[in-house]
PDB file of N, CA and C in Angstrom:
ATOM      1  N   MET A   1      81.529 116.509 312.303  1.00  0.00           N
ATOM      2  CA  MET A   1      81.623 117.753 311.764  1.00  0.00           C
ATOM      3  C   MET A   1      82.531 118.641 312.289  1.00  0.00           C
ATOM      4  N   SER A   2      83.670 118.835 312.100  1.00  0.00           N
ATOM      5  CA  SER A   2      84.427 120.266 312.810  1.00  0.00           C
ATOM      6  C   SER A   2      83.561 121.317 312.310  1.00  0.00           C
ATOM      7  N   ASP A   3      83.987 122.304 313.309  1.00  0.00           N
ATOM      8  CA  ASP A   3      83.321 123.622 313.551  1.00  0.00           C
ATOM      9  C   ASP A   3      84.345 124.705 312.063  1.00  0.00           C
ATOM     10  N   LEU A   4      85.226 124.331 311.839  1.00  0.00           N
ATOM     11  CA  LEU A   4      85.803 124.990 310.255  1.00  0.00           C
ATOM     12  C   LEU A   4      85.239 124.531 309.081  1.00  0.00           C
ATOM     13  N   HIS A   5      85.233 123.063 309.076  1.00  0.00           N
ATOM     14  CA  HIS A   5      84.483 122.780 308.435  1.00  0.00           C
ATOM     15  C   HIS A   5      82.920 123.587 308.199  1.00  0.00           C
ATOM     16  N   HIS A   6      82.399 123.195 308.638  1.00  0.00           N
ATOM     17  CA  HIS A   6      80.757 123.813 309.404  1.00  0.00           C
ATOM     18  C   HIS A   6      80.769 125.739 308.405  1.00  0.00           C
ATOM     19  N   LEU A   7      82.035 126.025 308.565  1.00  0.00           N
ATOM     20  CA  LEU A   7      82.215 127.318 308.253  1.00  0.00           C
ATOM     21  C   LEU A   7      82.651 127.659 306.821  1.00  0.00           C
ATOM     22  N   SER A   8      83.127 126.608 306.399  1.00  0.00           N
ATOM     23  CA  SER A   8      83.535 126.476 305.000  1.00  0.00           C
ATOM     24  C   SER A   8      82.927 127.746 304.282  1.00  0.00           C
ATOM     25  N   GLY A   9      83.548 127.749 303.679  1.00  0.00           N
ATOM     26  CA  GLY A   9      83.475 129.305 302.439  1.00  0.00           C
ATOM     27  C   GLY A   9      82.657 128.100 301.126  1.00  0.00           C
ATOM     28  N   TYR A  10      82.673 126.867 301.033  1.00  0.00           N
ATOM     29  CA  TYR A  10      81.514 126.113 300.375  1.00  0.00           C
ATOM     30  C   TYR A  10      80.347 126.010 301.179  1.00  0.00           C
ATOM     31  N   ARG A  11      80.094 125.938 302.370  1.00  0.00           N
ATOM     32  CA  ARG A  11      78.692 125.892 302.871  1.00  0.00           C
ATOM     33  C   ARG A  11      78.185 127.306 303.264  1.00  0.00           C
ATOM     34  N   LEU A  12      78.575 128.033 303.498  1.00  0.00           N
ATOM     35  CA  LEU A  12      78.431 129.421 303.733  1.00  0.00           C
ATOM     36  C   LEU A  12      78.240 130.400 302.237  1.00  0.00           C
ATOM     37  N   MET A  13      76.865 130.706 302.103  1.00  0.00           N
ATOM     38  CA  MET A  13      76.286 131.110 300.760  1.00  0.00           C
ATOM     39  C   MET A  13      75.745 132.891 300.575  1.00  0.00           C
ATOM     40  N   TRP A  14      75.491 133.151 299.380  1.00  0.00           N
ATOM     41  CA  TRP A  14      75.024 133.976 299.521  1.00  0.00           C
ATOM     42  C   TRP A  14      73.617 134.209 298.215  1.00  0.00           C
ATOM     43  N   ILE A  15      72.689 135.045 298.937  1.00  0.00           N
ATOM     44  CA  ILE A  15      71.152 134.454 298.105  1.00  0.00           C
ATOM     45  C   ILE A  15      71.082 135.837 297.310  1.00  0.00           C
ATOM     46  N   PHE A  16      70.801 135.998 296.351  1.00  0.00           N
ATOM     47  CA  PHE A  16      70.412 136.983 295.058  1.00  0.00           C
ATOM     48  C   PHE A  16      69.102 137.250 294.687  1.00  0.00           C
ATOM     49  N   VAL A  17      68.192 137.473 295.202  1.00  0.00           N
ATOM     50  CA  VAL A  17      66.701 137.917 294.425  1.00  0.00           C
ATOM     51  C   VAL A  17      66.596 139.187 293.603  1.00  0.00           C
ATOM     52  N   MET A  18      66.498 138.946 292.322  1.00  0.00           N
ATOM     53  CA  MET A  18      66.032 139.550 291.126  1.00  0.00           C
ATOM     54  C   MET A  18      64.921 139.819 290.281  1.00  0.00           C
ATOM     55  N   PHE A  19      64.394 141.059 290.226  1.00  0.00           N
ATOM     56  CA  PHE A  19      62.834 141.004 289.902  1.00  0.00           C
ATOM     57  C   PHE A  19      62.991 142.580 289.025  1.00  0.00           C
ATOM     58  N   ASP A  20      61.583 141.863 288.532  1.00  0.00           N
ATOM     59  CA  ASP A  20      61.219 142.959 287.488  1.00  0.00           C
ATOM     60  C   ASP A  20      59.429 143.105 287.786  1.00  0.00           C
ATOM     61  N   LEU A  21      59.370 144.076 288.581  1.00  0.00           N
ATOM     62  CA  LEU A  21      57.781 144.154 288.967  1.00  0.00           C
ATOM     63  C   LEU A  21      57.081 145.418 288.053  1.00  0.00           C
ATOM     64  N   PRO A  22      55.845 145.004 287.127  1.00  0.00           N
ATOM     65  CA  PRO A  22      55.139 146.284 287.362  1.00  0.00           C
ATOM     66  C   PRO A  22      55.035 147.821 288.078  1.00  0.00           C
ATOM     67  N   VAL A  23      54.771 148.859 287.647  1.00  0.00           N
ATOM     68  CA  VAL A  23      54.555 149.965 288.651  1.00  0.00           C
ATOM     69  C   VAL A  23      53.974 151.121 287.751  1.00  0.00           C
ATOM     70  N   GLY A  24      53.011 150.688 286.959  1.00  0.00           N
ATOM     71  CA  GLY A  24      52.194 151.500 286.221  1.00  0.00           C
ATOM     72  C   GLY A  24      51.241 151.965 286.424  1.00  0.00           C
ATOM     73  N   THR A  25      50.884 151.352 287.275  1.00  0.00           N
ATOM     74  CA  THR A  25      49.236 151.464 288.056  1.00  0.00           C
ATOM     75  C   THR A  25      49.884 151.993 290.117  1.00  0.00           C
ATOM     76  N   LYS A  26      48.931 152.407 290.470  1.00  0.00           N
ATOM     77  CA  LYS A  26      49.618 153.298 291.798  1.00  0.00           C
ATOM     78  C   LYS A  26      49.285 151.471 292.857  1.00  0.00           C
ATOM     79  N   PRO A  27      48.347 150.975 292.563  1.00  0.00           N
ATOM     80  CA  PRO A  27      48.723 149.437 293.510  1.00  0.00           C
ATOM     81  C   PRO A  27      49.697 148.656 292.793  1.00  0.00           C
ATOM     82  N   GLN A  28      50.440 148.868 291.764  1.00  0.00           N
ATOM     83  CA  GLN A  28      51.542 147.882 291.308  1.00  0.00           C
ATOM     84  C   GLN A  28      52.683 148.840 292.159  1.00  0.00           C
ATOM     85  N   ALA A  29      52.631 149.793 292.280  1.00  0.00           N
ATOM     86  CA  ALA A  29      53.986 150.440 292.675  1.00  0.00           C
ATOM     87  C   ALA A  29      53.925 150.362 294.295  1.00  0.00           C
ATOM     88  N   ARG A  30      52.947 150.445 294.749  1.00  0.00           N
ATOM     89  CA  ARG A  30      52.914 150.058 295.884  1.00  0.00           C
ATOM     90  C   ARG A  30      52.913 148.484 296.394  1.00  0.00           C
ATOM     91  N   ALA A  31      53.105 147.708 295.651  1.00  0.00           N
ATOM     92  CA  ALA A  31      53.643 145.703 295.696  1.00  0.00           C
ATOM     93  C   ALA A  31      54.965 146.089 295.398  1.00  0.00           C
ATOM     94  N   ALA A  32      55.632 147.063 294.319  1.00  0.00           N
ATOM     95  CA  ALA A  32      56.551 146.349 294.640  1.00  0.00           C
ATOM     96  C   ALA A  32      57.217 147.256 295.717  1.00  0.00           C
ATOM     97  N   THR A  33      57.086 148.660 296.063  1.00  0.00           N
ATOM     98  CA  THR A  33      57.761 149.308 297.060  1.00  0.00           C
ATOM     99  C   THR A  33      57.680 148.464 298.310  1.00  0.00           C
ATOM    100  N   ARG A  34      56.303 147.581 298.626  1.00  0.00           N
ATOM    101  CA  ARG A  34      56.721 146.602 299.876  1.00  0.00           C
ATOM    102  C   ARG A  34      57.563 145.590 299.956  1.00  0.00           C
ATOM    103  N   PHE A  35      57.225 144.968 298.356  1.00  0.00           N
ATOM    104  CA  PHE A  35      58.297 143.854 298.167  1.00  0.00           C
ATOM    105  C   PHE A  35      60.081 144.451 298.695  1.00  0.00           C
ATOM    106  N   ARG A  36      60.300 145.059 298.346  1.00  0.00           N
ATOM    107  CA  ARG A  36      61.797 146.191 298.254  1.00  0.00           C
ATOM    108  C   ARG A  36      61.696 146.018 299.623  1.00  0.00           C
ATOM    109  N   GLU A  37      60.756 146.689 300.625  1.00  0.00           N
ATOM    110  CA  GLU A  37      61.082 147.294 302.196  1.00  0.00           C
ATOM    111  C   GLU A  37      60.547 145.503 302.450  1.00  0.00           C
ATOM    112  N   PHE A  38      60.081 144.381 302.321  1.00  0.00           N
ATOM    113  CA  PHE A  38      60.220 143.132 302.853  1.00  0.00           C
ATOM    114  C   PHE A  38      61.537 142.673 302.854  1.00  0.00           C
ATOM    115  N   LEU A  39      62.245 142.853 301.804  1.00  0.00           N
ATOM    116  CA  LEU A  39      63.178 142.189 301.738  1.00  0.00           C
ATOM    117  C   LEU A  39      64.759 143.064 302.241  1.00  0.00           C
ATOM    118  N   LEU A  40      64.529 144.514 302.690  1.00  0.00           N
ATOM    119  CA  LEU A  40      65.680 145.361 303.325  1.00  0.00           C
ATOM    120  C   LEU A  40      65.023 144.719 304.822  1.00  0.00           C
ATOM    121  N   ASP A  41      63.652 144.536 305.141  1.00  0.00           N
ATOM    122  CA  ASP A  41      63.373 144.600 306.713  1.00  0.00           C
ATOM    123  C   ASP A  41      63.994 142.462 306.644  1.00  0.00           C
ATOM    124  N   GLU A  42      64.200 142.232 306.052  1.00  0.00           N
ATOM    125  CA  GLU A  42      64.859 140.248 305.745  1.00  0.00           C
ATOM    126  C   GLU A  42      66.283 140.784 305.623  1.00  0.00           C
ATOM    127  N   GLY A  43      66.906 142.007 305.973  1.00  0.00           N
ATOM    128  CA  GLY A  43      68.249 141.755 305.933  1.00  0.00           C
ATOM    129  C   GLY A  43      68.563 141.430 304.436  1.00  0.00           C
ATOM    130  N   PHE A  44      68.281 141.671 303.416  1.00  0.00           N
ATOM    131  CA  PHE A  44      68.866 142.235 302.080  1.00  0.00           C
ATOM    132  C   PHE A  44      69.723 143.137 302.077  1.00  0.00           C
ATOM    133  N   GLU A  45      70.354 143.743 301.370  1.00  0.00           N
ATOM    134  CA  GLU A  45      71.301 144.845 301.460  1.00  0.00           C
ATOM    135  C   GLU A  45      70.723 144.771 299.344  1.00  0.00           C
ATOM    136  N   MET A  46      70.706 146.287 298.805  1.00  0.00           N
ATOM    137  CA  MET A  46      70.117 146.589 297.655  1.00  0.00           C
ATOM    138  C   MET A  46      72.018 146.267 296.727  1.00  0.00           C
ATOM    139  N   SER A  47      72.113 145.990 295.664  1.00  0.00           N
ATOM    140  CA  SER A  47      73.100 145.987 295.039  1.00  0.00           C
ATOM    141  C   SER A  47      72.728 146.765 293.916  1.00  0.00           C
ATOM    142  N   GLN A  48      71.736 145.873 293.347  1.00  0.00           N
ATOM    143  CA  GLN A  48      71.554 147.348 292.046  1.00  0.00           C
ATOM    144  C   GLN A  48      70.023 147.616 292.431  1.00  0.00           C
ATOM    145  N   PHE A  49      69.409 148.062 291.526  1.00  0.00           N
ATOM    146  CA  PHE A  49      67.722 148.636 291.677  1.00  0.00           C
ATOM    147  C   PHE A  49      66.883 147.796 291.838  1.00  0.00           C
ATOM    148  N   SER A  50      67.414 146.371 291.588  1.00  0.00           N
ATOM    149  CA  SER A  50      66.398 145.286 291.207  1.00  0.00           C
ATOM    150  C   SER A  50      66.786 144.117 291.707  1.00  0.00           C
ATOM    151  N   VAL A  51      67.937 144.159 292.649  1.00  0.00           N
ATOM    152  CA  VAL A  51      68.829 143.233 292.660  1.00  0.00           C
ATOM    153  C   VAL A  51      69.179 143.634 294.165  1.00  0.00           C
ATOM    154  N   TYR A  52      68.921 142.232 294.901  1.00  0.00           N
ATOM    155  CA  TYR A  52      68.846 142.179 296.223  1.00  0.00           C
ATOM    156  C   TYR A  52      70.111 141.447 296.686  1.00  0.00           C
ATOM    157  N   ALA A  53      70.630 141.257 297.761  1.00  0.00           N
ATOM    158  CA  ALA A  53      71.517 140.702 298.643  1.00  0.00           C
ATOM    159  C   ALA A  53      71.258 140.114 299.509  1.00  0.00           C
ATOM    160  N   ARG A  54      71.860 138.819 300.326  1.00  0.00           N
ATOM    161  CA  ARG A  54      71.872 138.821 301.769  1.00  0.00           C
ATOM    162  C   ARG A  54      72.867 137.265 301.757  1.00  0.00           C
ATOM    163  N   PHE A  55      73.311 137.360 302.955  1.00  0.00           N
ATOM    164  CA  PHE A  55      74.268 136.896 303.797  1.00  0.00           C
ATOM    165  C   PHE A  55      73.360 135.161 304.425  1.00  0.00           C
ATOM    166  N   CYS A  56      74.019 134.254 304.163  1.00  0.00           N
ATOM    167  CA  CYS A  56      73.635 133.118 305.138  1.00  0.00           C
ATOM    168  C   CYS A  56      74.260 132.502 305.138  1.00  0.00           C
ATOM    169  N   SER A  57      74.126 131.423 306.209  1.00  0.00           N
ATOM    170  CA  SER A  57      74.568 130.459 307.071  1.00  0.00           C
ATOM    171  C   SER A  57      74.621 129.142 306.539  1.00  0.00           C
ATOM    172  N   GLY A  58      74.025 128.921 305.355  1.00  0.00           N
ATOM    173  CA  GLY A  58      74.031 127.562 304.947  1.00  0.00           C
ATOM    174  C   GLY A  58      72.979 127.273 304.303  1.00  0.00           C
ATOM    175  N   LYS A  59      72.031 126.071 303.677  1.00  0.00           N
ATOM    176  CA  LYS A  59      70.917 125.519 302.997  1.00  0.00           C
ATOM    177  C   LYS A  59      69.592 125.863 303.746  1.00  0.00           C
ATOM    178  N   GLU A  60      69.747 125.173 305.237  1.00  0.00           N
ATOM    179  CA  GLU A  60      68.762 125.132 305.922  1.00  0.00           C
ATOM    180  C   GLU A  60      68.400 126.872 305.773  1.00  0.00           C
ATOM    181  N   SER A  61      69.411 127.868 306.000  1.00  0.00           N
ATOM    182  CA  SER A  61      69.228 129.114 306.249  1.00  0.00           C
ATOM    183  C   SER A  61      68.005 129.812 304.857  1.00  0.00           C
ATOM    184  N   PHE A  62      68.848 129.268 303.489  1.00  0.00           N
ATOM    185  CA  PHE A  62      68.177 129.618 302.428  1.00  0.00           C
ATOM    186  C   PHE A  62      67.123 129.229 302.817  1.00  0.00           C
ATOM    187  N   ASP A  63      66.475 127.862 302.683  1.00  0.00           N
ATOM    188  CA  ASP A  63      65.124 127.457 302.498  1.00  0.00           C
ATOM    189  C   ASP A  63      64.710 128.402 303.651  1.00  0.00           C
ATOM    190  N   SER A  64      64.408 128.638 304.337  1.00  0.00           N
ATOM    191  CA  SER A  64      63.614 129.606 305.537  1.00  0.00           C
ATOM    192  C   SER A  64      63.355 130.778 304.597  1.00  0.00           C
ATOM    193  N   HIS A  65      64.553 131.209 303.983  1.00  0.00           N
ATOM    194  CA  HIS A  65      64.334 132.881 303.750  1.00  0.00           C
ATOM    195  C   HIS A  65      63.657 132.417 302.634  1.00  0.00           C
ATOM    196  N   LEU A  66      63.682 131.443 301.593  1.00  0.00           N
ATOM    197  CA  LEU A  66      63.127 131.205 300.190  1.00  0.00           C
ATOM    198  C   LEU A  66      61.557 131.190 300.916  1.00  0.00           C
ATOM    199  N   GLY A  67      61.114 130.397 301.950  1.00  0.00           N
ATOM    200  CA  GLY A  67      59.702 130.329 302.055  1.00  0.00           C
ATOM    201  C   GLY A  67      59.015 131.447 302.562  1.00  0.00           C
ATOM    202  N   ARG A  68      59.844 132.343 303.651  1.00  0.00           N
ATOM    203  CA  ARG A  68      59.434 133.739 303.697  1.00  0.00           C
ATOM    204  C   ARG A  68      59.044 135.057 302.012  1.00  0.00           C
ATOM    205  N   ILE A  69      60.232 134.899 301.317  1.00  0.00           N
ATOM    206  CA  ILE A  69      60.274 135.372 299.944  1.00  0.00           C
ATOM    207  C   ILE A  69      59.211 134.939 299.602  1.00  0.00           C
ATOM    208  N   GLU A  70      59.052 133.843 299.963  1.00  0.00           N
ATOM    209  CA  GLU A  70      57.620 132.874 298.525  1.00  0.00           C
ATOM    210  C   GLU A  70      56.202 133.569 299.401  1.00  0.00           C
ATOM    211  N   ARG A  71      55.761 133.373 300.875  1.00  0.00           N
ATOM    212  CA  ARG A  71      55.071 134.021 300.927  1.00  0.00           C
ATOM    213  C   ARG A  71      54.638 135.659 300.802  1.00  0.00           C
ATOM    214  N   ASN A  72      55.687 136.509 300.737  1.00  0.00           N
ATOM    215  CA  ASN A  72      55.613 137.610 300.397  1.00  0.00           C
ATOM    216  C   ASN A  72      55.684 137.962 298.577  1.00  0.00           C
ATOM    217  N   LEU A  73      55.888 137.514 297.858  1.00  0.00           N
ATOM    218  CA  LEU A  73      56.030 137.732 296.505  1.00  0.00           C
ATOM    219  C   LEU A  73      54.669 138.651 296.135  1.00  0.00           C
ATOM    220  N   PRO A  74      55.222 139.532 295.315  1.00  0.00           N
ATOM    221  CA  PRO A  74      53.778 140.159 294.417  1.00  0.00           C
ATOM    222  C   PRO A  74      53.118 139.153 293.307  1.00  0.00           C
ATOM    223  N   GLU A  75      51.657 139.560 293.518  1.00  0.00           N
ATOM    224  CA  GLU A  75      51.152 139.010 292.630  1.00  0.00           C
ATOM    225  C   GLU A  75      51.240 139.094 290.806  1.00  0.00           C
ATOM    226  N   LYS A  76      52.261 140.475 290.529  1.00  0.00           N
ATOM    227  CA  LYS A  76      52.561 140.029 289.085  1.00  0.00           C
ATOM    228  C   LYS A  76      53.691 140.586 288.814  1.00  0.00           C
ATOM    229  N   GLY A  77      54.503 140.171 288.407  1.00  0.00           N
ATOM    230  CA  GLY A  77      56.247 140.187 287.489  1.00  0.00           C
ATOM    231  C   GLY A  77      57.167 139.338 288.519  1.00  0.00           C
ATOM    232  N   ASP A  78      58.119 139.239 287.396  1.00  0.00           N
ATOM    233  CA  ASP A  78      59.231 138.170 287.868  1.00  0.00           C
ATOM    234  C   ASP A  78      60.062 138.723 288.598  1.00  0.00           C
ATOM    235  N   VAL A  79      60.180 136.720 289.555  1.00  0.00           N
ATOM    236  CA  VAL A  79      61.368 137.358 290.876  1.00  0.00           C
ATOM    237  C   VAL A  79      62.031 136.344 290.381  1.00  0.00           C
ATOM    238  N   HIS A  80      63.340 136.547 290.562  1.00  0.00           N
ATOM    239  CA  HIS A  80      64.348 135.129 290.228  1.00  0.00           C
ATOM    240  C   HIS A  80      65.167 135.770 291.907  1.00  0.00           C
ATOM    241  N   ILE A  81      65.544 133.965 292.157  1.00  0.00           N
ATOM    242  CA  ILE A  81      66.216 133.566 293.081  1.00  0.00           C
ATOM    243  C   ILE A  81      67.734 132.718 292.489  1.00  0.00           C
ATOM    244  N   LEU A  82      68.756 133.362 293.586  1.00  0.00           N
ATOM    245  CA  LEU A  82      69.853 132.479 292.908  1.00  0.00           C
ATOM    246  C   LEU A  82      70.315 132.200 294.243  1.00  0.00           C
ATOM    247  N   THR A  83      71.113 131.354 294.158  1.00  0.00           N
ATOM    248  CA  THR A  83      72.665 131.240 295.519  1.00  0.00           C
ATOM    249  C   THR A  83      73.925 131.152 294.885  1.00  0.00           C
ATOM    250  N   PHE A  84      74.352 131.142 295.549  1.00  0.00           N
ATOM    251  CA  PHE A  84      76.378 131.035 295.293  1.00  0.00           C
ATOM    252  C   PHE A  84      76.649 130.856 296.554  1.00  0.00           C
ATOM    253  N   THR A  85      77.869 129.992 296.999  1.00  0.00           N
ATOM    254  CA  THR A  85      78.425 129.862 297.806  1.00  0.00           C
ATOM    255  C   THR A  85      79.274 131.036 298.136  1.00  0.00           C
ATOM    256  N   ASP A  86      79.640 131.233 299.010  1.00  0.00           N
ATOM    257  CA  ASP A  86      80.976 132.467 299.372  1.00  0.00           C
ATOM    258  C   ASP A  86      82.232 132.147 298.753  1.00  0.00           C
ATOM    259  N   ARG A  87      82.783 131.065 298.376  1.00  0.00           N
ATOM    260  CA  ARG A  87      83.888 131.387 297.535  1.00  0.00           C
ATOM    261  C   ARG A  87      83.730 131.570 296.019  1.00  0.00           C
ATOM    262  N   GLN A  88      82.318 131.348 295.486  1.00  0.00           N
ATOM    263  CA  GLN A  88      82.154 131.849 294.502  1.00  0.00           C
ATOM    264  C   GLN A  88      81.724 133.120 293.965  1.00  0.00           C
ATOM    265  N   TYR A  89      81.307 133.683 295.334  1.00  0.00           N
ATOM    266  CA  TYR A  89      80.942 134.882 295.545  1.00  0.00           C
ATOM    267  C   TYR A  89      82.230 136.072 295.598  1.00  0.00           C
ATOM    268  N   GLU A  90      83.040 135.601 296.032  1.00  0.00           N
ATOM    269  CA  GLU A  90      84.432 135.870 295.480  1.00  0.00           C
ATOM    270  C   GLU A  90      85.146 136.140 294.516  1.00  0.00           C
ATOM    271  N   ASN A  91      84.934 135.410 293.287  1.00  0.00           N
ATOM    272  CA  ASN A  91      84.777 135.525 292.166  1.00  0.00           C
ATOM    273  C   ASN A  91      83.949 136.687 291.368  1.00  0.00           C
ATOM    274  N   ILE A  92      83.194 137.108 291.729  1.00  0.00           N
ATOM    275  CA  ILE A  92      82.426 138.231 290.944  1.00  0.00           C
ATOM    276  C   ILE A  92      83.400 139.683 290.576  1.00  0.00           C
ATOM    277  N   VAL A  93      83.405 139.986 289.349  1.00  0.00           N
ATOM    278  CA  VAL A  93      83.988 140.969 289.117  1.00  0.00           C
ATOM    279  C   VAL A  93      83.098 141.971 289.149  1.00  0.00           C
ATOM    280  N   ARG A  94      83.069 143.418 289.909  1.00  0.00           N
ATOM    281  CA  ARG A  94      82.304 144.522 290.026  1.00  0.00           C
ATOM    282  C   ARG A  94      83.064 145.963 289.316  1.00  0.00           C
ATOM    283  N   PHE A  95      82.226 146.392 288.571  1.00  0.00           N
ATOM    284  CA  PHE A  95      82.874 147.999 288.066  1.00  0.00           C
ATOM    285  C   PHE A  95      81.392 148.584 288.953  1.00  0.00           C
ATOM    286  N   SER A  96      82.250 150.007 288.938  1.00  0.00           N
ATOM    287  CA  SER A  96      81.406 151.066 289.443  1.00  0.00           C
ATOM    288  C   SER A  96      82.063 152.222 288.762  1.00  0.00           C
ATOM    289  N   SER A  97      81.346 152.784 288.191  1.00  0.00           N
ATOM    290  CA  SER A  97      81.926 153.848 286.721  1.00  0.00           C
ATOM    291  C   SER A  97      83.100 153.944 286.312  1.00  0.00           C
ATOM    292  N   GLN A  98      83.293 152.631 285.820  1.00  0.00           N
ATOM    293  CA  GLN A  98      84.364 152.127 284.731  1.00  0.00           C
ATOM    294  C   GLN A  98      85.726 151.914 286.119  1.00  0.00           C
ATOM    295  N   ARG A  99      85.468 151.582 286.979  1.00  0.00           N
ATOM    296  CA  ARG A  99      86.311 151.539 287.925  1.00  0.00           C
ATOM    297  C   ARG A  99      86.007 150.247 288.773  1.00  0.00           C
ATOM    298  N   ARG A 100      87.022 149.111 288.790  1.00  0.00           N
ATOM    299  CA  ARG A 100      87.072 147.592 289.315  1.00  0.00           C
ATOM    300  C   ARG A 100      87.042 148.076 290.698  1.00  0.00           C
ATOM    301  N   GLN A 101      85.803 148.043 291.274  1.00  0.00           N
ATOM    302  CA  GLN A 101      85.907 147.074 292.784  1.00  0.00           C
ATOM    303  C   GLN A 101      85.781 146.041 293.579  1.00  0.00           C
ATOM    304  N   ARG A 102      86.503 146.283 294.441  1.00  0.00           N
ATOM    305  CA  ARG A 102      86.254 144.644 295.427  1.00  0.00           C
ATOM    306  C   ARG A 102      84.890 144.524 295.975  1.00  0.00           C
ATOM    307  N   VAL A 103      84.970 143.486 295.886  1.00  0.00           N
ATOM    308  CA  VAL A 103      83.650 142.333 296.366  1.00  0.00           C
ATOM    309  C   VAL A 103      84.072 142.496 298.163  1.00  0.00           C
ATOM    310  N   ARG A 104      82.777 143.191 298.104  1.00  0.00           N
ATOM    311  CA  ARG A 104      82.075 143.269 299.586  1.00  0.00           C
ATOM    312  C   ARG A 104      82.475 141.820 300.003  1.00  0.00           C
ATOM    313  N   LYS A 105      83.057 141.874 301.166  1.00  0.00           N
ATOM    314  CA  LYS A 105      83.107 139.906 302.388  1.00  0.00           C
ATOM    315  C   LYS A 105      81.984 140.140 303.178  1.00  0.00           C
ATOM    316  N   ASN A 106      82.166 139.172 303.516  1.00  0.00           N
ATOM    317  CA  ASN A 106      81.137 138.696 304.131  1.00  0.00           C
ATOM    318  C   ASN A 106      80.626 139.075 305.519  1.00  0.00           C
ATOM    319  N   PRO A 107      79.736 139.370 305.938  1.00  0.00           N
ATOM    320  CA  PRO A 107      79.156 140.193 307.542  1.00  0.00           C
ATOM    321  C   PRO A 107      80.193 139.381 308.669  1.00  0.00           C
ATOM    322  N   ASP A 108      81.058 140.225 309.637  1.00  0.00           N
ATOM    323  CA  ASP A 108      81.292 139.854 310.391  1.00  0.00           C
ATOM    324  C   ASP A 108      80.466 139.176 311.413  1.00  0.00           C
ATOM    325  N   GLN A 109      79.272 139.423 311.792  1.00  0.00           N
ATOM    326  CA  GLN A 109      78.111 138.493 312.745  1.00  0.00           C
ATOM    327  C   GLN A 109      78.228 137.330 312.784  1.00  0.00           C
ATOM    328  N   LEU A 110      78.596 136.907 311.236  1.00  0.00           N
ATOM    329  CA  LEU A 110      78.387 135.415 311.050  1.00  0.00           C
ATOM    330  C   LEU A 110      79.256 134.718 310.989  1.00  0.00           C
ATOM    331  N   ALA A 111      80.525 135.632 311.769  1.00  0.00           N
ATOM    332  CA  ALA A 111      81.841 134.328 311.591  1.00  0.00           C
ATOM    333  C   ALA A 111      81.821 133.997 312.887  1.00  0.00           C
ATOM    334  N   MET A 112      80.600 134.719 313.906  1.00  0.00           N
ATOM    335  CA  MET A 112      81.208 134.407 315.442  1.00  0.00           C
ATOM    336  C   MET A 112      80.433 132.992 315.587  1.00  0.00           C
ATOM    337  N   PHE A 113      79.263 132.512 314.784  1.00  0.00           N
ATOM    338  CA  PHE A 113      78.796 131.058 314.459  1.00  0.00           C
ATOM    339  C   PHE A 113      80.197 129.557 314.604  1.00  0.00           C
TER     340      PHE A 113
END
């Protein structure tokens, strides 16, 4: 398999973690904060308050991240995980304060692999 195919926009992926966690008690709020901090430590960036995104190099990398997320899930609440190919991510339409925004490109450091 050529290096170009290996780095294809159909192989490169984005992981989106979306969650709705209870924060009505101090222990619940601490658990939600721990989960958000875990995602940041794992290289995710906050896209919206309860939506975090991360670029990864393919299915194997996604599976590894998924396992770590599963091991760090809070006891209560809902967590949804979506994956998009890099090509699909390019088609996201984003607005901020009623203005259309460009979708962020993938991180330069992964282009070296």
